[in-house]
């Protein structure tokens, strides 16, 4: 009898064409479903919590699958990983309720955007952070970002090709912080529009550079016009950090490491 399993994934999105399956077979979903099929011995379709774009990374992606094969939980981690390319790894696996849904059961999603803020770029940071050589005032960026908290129409931060039916989203927190040369922007919301985080980052960087004032983000929310906002920042600085679920659908990892 089929049962539902949740799995946590981490991946370096640099060389993949985003999450969603592609004709080329070069997406994270393509690679993951191929590994699942090799491990189980038959095709397996997965559903993810959030579809990431090409070049975007994940530490806390969550997927669910329906399978009939009975395996010890930790074997799902080790077994599937043995068929995956080095840029993708299953972090944990856990049985969940039949009505758990990786996407629709999620209460919120948390993303982090990393900026390497120094006069010279670092080859050790370039895969996972976007280089900004002009000095950034992270305190001004944080202050400006607070206008985004709450439920708003985010049309000014929505990609032209976005297919969402509504531009309204609810942001619970936006935190801009600095650790030496690394400026990070942590955003949590119930859901995100296409390129929403990367577009927000572009406008926050304009504030951090002193090009725009601290009311810039509030003004952009009010005008609801993407043409008046700043550029979309590159994909490599963005990472899906965590997906939150109701207690009813707890999918805490039951996997355990082997000493």
Protein backbone atom coordinates (compact mmCIF):
# COMPACT_ATOMS: atom_id res chain seq x y z
CA UNK A 1 0.00 0.00 0.00
CA UNK A 2 1.46 3.41 -0.94
CA UNK A 3 2.68 5.69 1.80
CA UNK A 4 3.93 9.27 1.76
CA UNK A 5 7.50 10.21 2.53
CA UNK A 6 9.01 13.68 3.01
CA UNK A 7 12.65 14.31 2.20
CA UNK A 8 14.87 17.32 2.85
CA UNK A 9 17.20 18.39 0.05
CA UNK A 10 20.24 20.63 -0.19
CA UNK A 11 21.75 21.59 -3.53
CA UNK A 12 24.25 23.88 -5.18
CA UNK A 13 22.19 25.36 -8.00
CA UNK A 14 25.16 26.67 -10.00
CA UNK A 15 25.07 24.07 -12.77
CA UNK A 16 21.36 23.19 -12.76
CA UNK A 17 18.55 24.74 -14.78
CA UNK A 18 16.45 25.45 -11.70
CA UNK A 19 14.21 23.03 -9.83
CA UNK A 20 11.47 22.31 -12.37
CA UNK A 21 11.94 19.53 -14.91
CA UNK A 22 13.39 20.63 -18.27
CA UNK A 23 13.57 19.03 -21.74
CA UNK A 24 17.35 18.95 -21.33
CA UNK A 25 17.06 16.88 -18.15
CA UNK A 26 19.42 19.32 -16.41
CA UNK A 27 17.14 20.49 -13.60
CA UNK A 28 17.32 19.48 -9.94
CA UNK A 29 13.96 17.72 -10.23
CA UNK A 30 15.18 15.73 -13.23
CA UNK A 31 18.29 14.58 -11.39
CA UNK A 32 16.41 13.79 -8.20
CA UNK A 33 13.61 11.81 -9.86
CA UNK A 34 16.21 9.88 -11.89
CA UNK A 35 18.01 8.96 -8.66
CA UNK A 36 14.74 7.95 -7.01
CA UNK A 37 13.88 5.70 -9.95
CA UNK A 38 17.30 4.04 -9.77
CA UNK A 39 16.93 3.46 -6.04
CA UNK A 40 13.30 2.22 -6.11
CA UNK A 41 13.38 0.45 -9.46
CA UNK A 42 10.44 2.33 -10.96
CA UNK A 43 9.51 5.94 -11.87
CA UNK A 44 8.77 8.22 -8.93
CA UNK A 45 7.30 11.74 -9.16
CA UNK A 46 8.06 14.30 -6.45
CA UNK A 47 6.43 17.54 -5.34
CA UNK A 48 8.57 20.34 -3.88
CA UNK A 49 7.87 23.15 -1.41
CA UNK A 50 9.21 25.88 -3.67
CA UNK A 51 10.49 25.89 -7.26
CA UNK A 52 13.87 27.61 -7.36
CA UNK A 53 15.22 29.32 -10.49
CA UNK A 54 18.36 28.40 -12.39
CA UNK A 55 21.44 29.12 -10.29
CA UNK A 56 19.53 29.40 -7.00
CA UNK A 57 20.64 27.17 -4.12
CA UNK A 58 18.79 25.38 -1.32
CA UNK A 59 19.65 24.23 2.18
CA UNK A 60 16.10 23.39 3.23
CA UNK A 61 14.08 22.29 0.21
CA UNK A 62 11.32 19.81 1.14
CA UNK A 63 9.72 17.31 -1.23
CA UNK A 64 7.17 14.55 -0.84
CA UNK A 65 6.81 11.30 -2.73
CA UNK A 66 4.31 8.42 -2.68
CA UNK A 67 5.97 5.00 -2.72
CA UNK A 68 5.16 1.37 -2.00
CA UNK A 69 8.72 0.23 -1.37
CA UNK A 70 9.42 -0.35 2.32
CA UNK A 71 12.91 0.73 3.30
CA UNK A 72 14.47 1.85 6.60
CA UNK A 73 14.28 5.65 6.72
CA UNK A 74 18.05 6.22 6.72
CA UNK A 75 18.37 4.01 3.63
CA UNK A 76 16.37 6.60 1.70
CA UNK A 77 19.08 9.13 2.49
CA UNK A 78 22.11 6.98 1.73
CA UNK A 79 20.50 5.06 -1.12
CA UNK A 80 19.16 8.01 -3.12
CA UNK A 81 22.37 10.00 -2.52
CA UNK A 82 24.39 7.21 -4.11
CA UNK A 83 22.64 7.94 -7.41
CA UNK A 84 22.76 11.76 -7.23
CA UNK A 85 25.39 14.11 -8.69
CA UNK A 86 27.64 15.75 -6.11
CA UNK A 87 25.71 19.05 -6.23
CA UNK A 88 22.54 17.51 -4.73
CA UNK A 89 22.14 15.64 -1.45
CA UNK A 90 19.20 14.28 0.54
CA UNK A 91 19.65 15.52 4.12
CA UNK A 92 16.87 13.57 5.85
CA UNK A 93 13.79 11.47 5.24
CA UNK A 94 10.64 10.98 7.29
CA UNK A 95 7.22 9.31 6.88
CA UNK A 96 4.40 11.88 6.95
CA UNK A 97 0.62 11.90 7.03
CA UNK A 98 -1.15 10.96 3.77
CA UNK A 99 -2.53 14.49 3.43
CA UNK A 100 0.84 16.20 3.93
CA UNK A 101 1.74 18.26 0.85
CA UNK A 102 5.22 19.73 0.46
CA UNK A 103 3.88 22.86 -1.22
CA UNK A 104 0.34 23.43 0.03
CA UNK A 105 0.96 22.39 3.65
CA UNK A 106 3.80 24.90 4.02
CA UNK A 107 3.09 27.85 6.32
CA UNK A 108 6.11 29.89 5.30
CA UNK A 109 9.34 29.85 3.36
CA UNK A 110 12.61 31.53 4.33
CA UNK A 111 15.20 32.72 1.83
CA UNK A 112 18.61 34.26 2.37
CA UNK A 113 20.40 36.52 -0.10
CA UNK A 114 24.14 36.95 0.40
CA UNK A 115 26.18 39.96 -0.75
CA UNK A 116 29.98 39.97 -0.66
CA UNK A 117 30.74 43.62 0.07
CA UNK A 118 34.40 44.40 -0.53
CA UNK A 119 36.54 46.31 -3.02
CA UNK A 120 37.77 43.04 -4.55
CA UNK A 121 35.70 39.94 -5.31
CA UNK A 122 36.55 36.64 -3.64
CA UNK A 123 36.75 33.41 -5.66
CA UNK A 124 35.73 31.57 -2.49
CA UNK A 125 32.46 33.50 -2.28
CA UNK A 126 31.46 33.91 -5.92
CA UNK A 127 29.34 30.73 -6.18
CA UNK A 128 27.12 31.63 -3.23
CA UNK A 129 27.21 35.42 -2.90
CA UNK A 130 26.89 38.39 -5.25
CA UNK A 131 29.80 40.82 -5.26
CA UNK A 132 29.03 44.48 -4.53
CA UNK A 133 32.18 46.62 -4.40
CA UNK A 134 30.54 49.88 -3.32
CA UNK A 135 30.23 50.26 0.49
CA UNK A 136 26.80 49.23 1.77
CA UNK A 137 25.01 50.74 4.76
CA UNK A 138 23.30 47.61 6.04
CA UNK A 139 21.52 49.53 8.80
CA UNK A 140 19.83 51.79 6.24
CA UNK A 141 18.92 48.71 4.21
CA UNK A 142 17.38 47.05 7.25
CA UNK A 143 15.37 50.15 8.11
CA UNK A 144 14.08 50.45 4.54
CA UNK A 145 13.16 46.78 4.44
CA UNK A 146 10.74 47.01 7.36
CA UNK A 147 8.18 48.66 5.08
CA UNK A 148 7.78 45.25 3.42
CA UNK A 149 6.63 43.46 6.56
CA UNK A 150 2.93 42.62 6.49
CA UNK A 151 0.50 41.80 3.70
CA UNK A 152 1.05 43.89 0.57
CA UNK A 153 0.66 44.01 -3.18
CA UNK A 154 4.22 43.27 -4.38
CA UNK A 155 3.68 44.17 -8.04
CA UNK A 156 6.78 46.39 -8.01
CA UNK A 157 8.90 43.35 -7.17
CA UNK A 158 7.24 40.84 -9.48
CA UNK A 159 8.88 39.51 -12.65
CA UNK A 160 7.01 40.25 -15.88
CA UNK A 161 6.71 36.50 -16.56
CA UNK A 162 5.29 35.72 -13.12
CA UNK A 163 2.24 33.43 -13.42
CA UNK A 164 0.86 33.88 -9.90
CA UNK A 165 -2.83 34.79 -9.87
CA UNK A 166 -2.36 37.48 -7.21
CA UNK A 167 0.57 39.81 -6.40
CA UNK A 168 -0.42 39.88 -2.72
CA UNK A 169 1.93 38.16 -0.28
CA UNK A 170 2.45 38.29 3.48
CA UNK A 171 6.00 38.90 4.73
CA UNK A 172 6.59 38.08 8.39
CA UNK A 173 10.18 39.34 8.66
CA UNK A 174 13.03 40.95 6.75
CA UNK A 175 16.43 41.17 8.44
CA UNK A 176 19.53 42.76 6.93
CA UNK A 177 22.75 42.07 8.82
CA UNK A 178 26.50 42.21 8.32
CA UNK A 179 29.29 39.84 9.31
CA UNK A 180 32.53 41.49 8.26
CA UNK A 181 32.39 41.55 4.43
CA UNK A 182 29.21 39.51 4.11
CA UNK A 183 25.85 41.31 4.09
CA UNK A 184 22.86 38.97 4.32
CA UNK A 185 19.18 39.63 3.70
CA UNK A 186 16.87 37.10 5.38
CA UNK A 187 13.25 37.16 4.21
CA UNK A 188 10.38 34.99 5.44
CA UNK A 189 6.93 34.98 3.84
CA UNK A 190 3.94 32.73 3.28
CA UNK A 191 4.93 32.54 -0.40
CA UNK A 192 6.93 34.47 -3.00
CA UNK A 193 6.36 35.81 -6.49
CA UNK A 194 8.73 35.07 -9.36
CA UNK A 195 12.06 36.89 -8.79
CA UNK A 196 10.51 38.67 -5.80
CA UNK A 197 13.48 38.29 -3.44
CA UNK A 198 16.05 39.17 -6.09
CA UNK A 199 14.06 42.27 -7.06
CA UNK A 200 13.75 43.36 -3.44
CA UNK A 201 17.50 42.95 -3.02
CA UNK A 202 18.15 45.22 -6.01
CA UNK A 203 16.15 48.03 -4.43
CA UNK A 204 17.69 47.48 -0.98
CA UNK A 205 21.18 47.68 -2.45
CA UNK A 206 20.26 51.03 -4.02
CA UNK A 207 19.39 52.24 -0.50
CA UNK A 208 22.59 50.76 0.94
CA UNK A 209 24.67 52.58 -1.66
CA UNK A 210 22.96 55.89 -0.89
CA UNK A 211 21.40 56.09 -4.36
CA UNK A 212 17.91 55.91 -2.84
CA UNK A 213 16.48 57.08 0.48
CA UNK A 214 15.15 54.84 3.24
CA UNK A 215 11.55 55.36 2.10
CA UNK A 216 12.37 53.84 -1.30
CA UNK A 217 10.84 50.43 -0.61
CA UNK A 218 7.70 51.94 0.89
CA UNK A 219 7.29 54.14 -2.19
CA UNK A 220 7.73 51.17 -4.53
CA UNK A 221 5.06 49.21 -2.69
CA UNK A 222 2.69 52.14 -3.12
CA UNK A 223 3.20 52.65 -6.87
CA UNK A 224 2.86 48.92 -7.76
CA UNK A 225 5.01 49.35 -10.88
CA UNK A 226 7.97 47.05 -11.59
CA UNK A 227 9.38 49.57 -14.08
CA UNK A 228 10.13 52.01 -11.26
CA UNK A 229 12.05 49.50 -9.14
CA UNK A 230 15.71 48.60 -9.39
CA UNK A 231 17.46 45.76 -11.21
CA UNK A 232 17.03 42.08 -10.51
CA UNK A 233 20.06 40.76 -8.64
CA UNK A 234 21.82 37.57 -9.82
CA UNK A 235 20.67 34.09 -8.85
CA UNK A 236 23.84 32.84 -7.16
CA UNK A 237 23.33 34.92 -4.01
CA UNK A 238 19.94 33.36 -3.25
CA UNK A 239 19.30 30.26 -1.13
CA UNK A 240 16.11 28.59 0.10
CA UNK A 241 16.92 28.19 3.78
CA UNK A 242 13.88 26.66 5.44
CA UNK A 243 10.24 25.66 4.95
CA UNK A 244 7.88 25.75 7.93
CA UNK A 245 4.89 23.47 8.43
CA UNK A 246 2.02 23.19 10.92
CA UNK A 247 2.55 20.88 13.88
CA UNK A 248 -0.11 18.67 12.30
CA UNK A 249 2.33 17.94 9.48
CA UNK A 250 5.57 17.69 11.40
CA UNK A 251 8.20 16.11 9.19
CA UNK A 252 11.15 16.16 11.53
CA UNK A 253 13.96 13.97 10.24
CA UNK A 254 14.06 10.50 11.69
CA UNK A 255 17.27 9.67 9.85
CA UNK A 256 20.37 9.16 11.95
CA UNK A 257 24.00 9.33 11.01
CA UNK A 258 26.29 6.35 11.09
CA UNK A 259 29.36 6.70 13.30
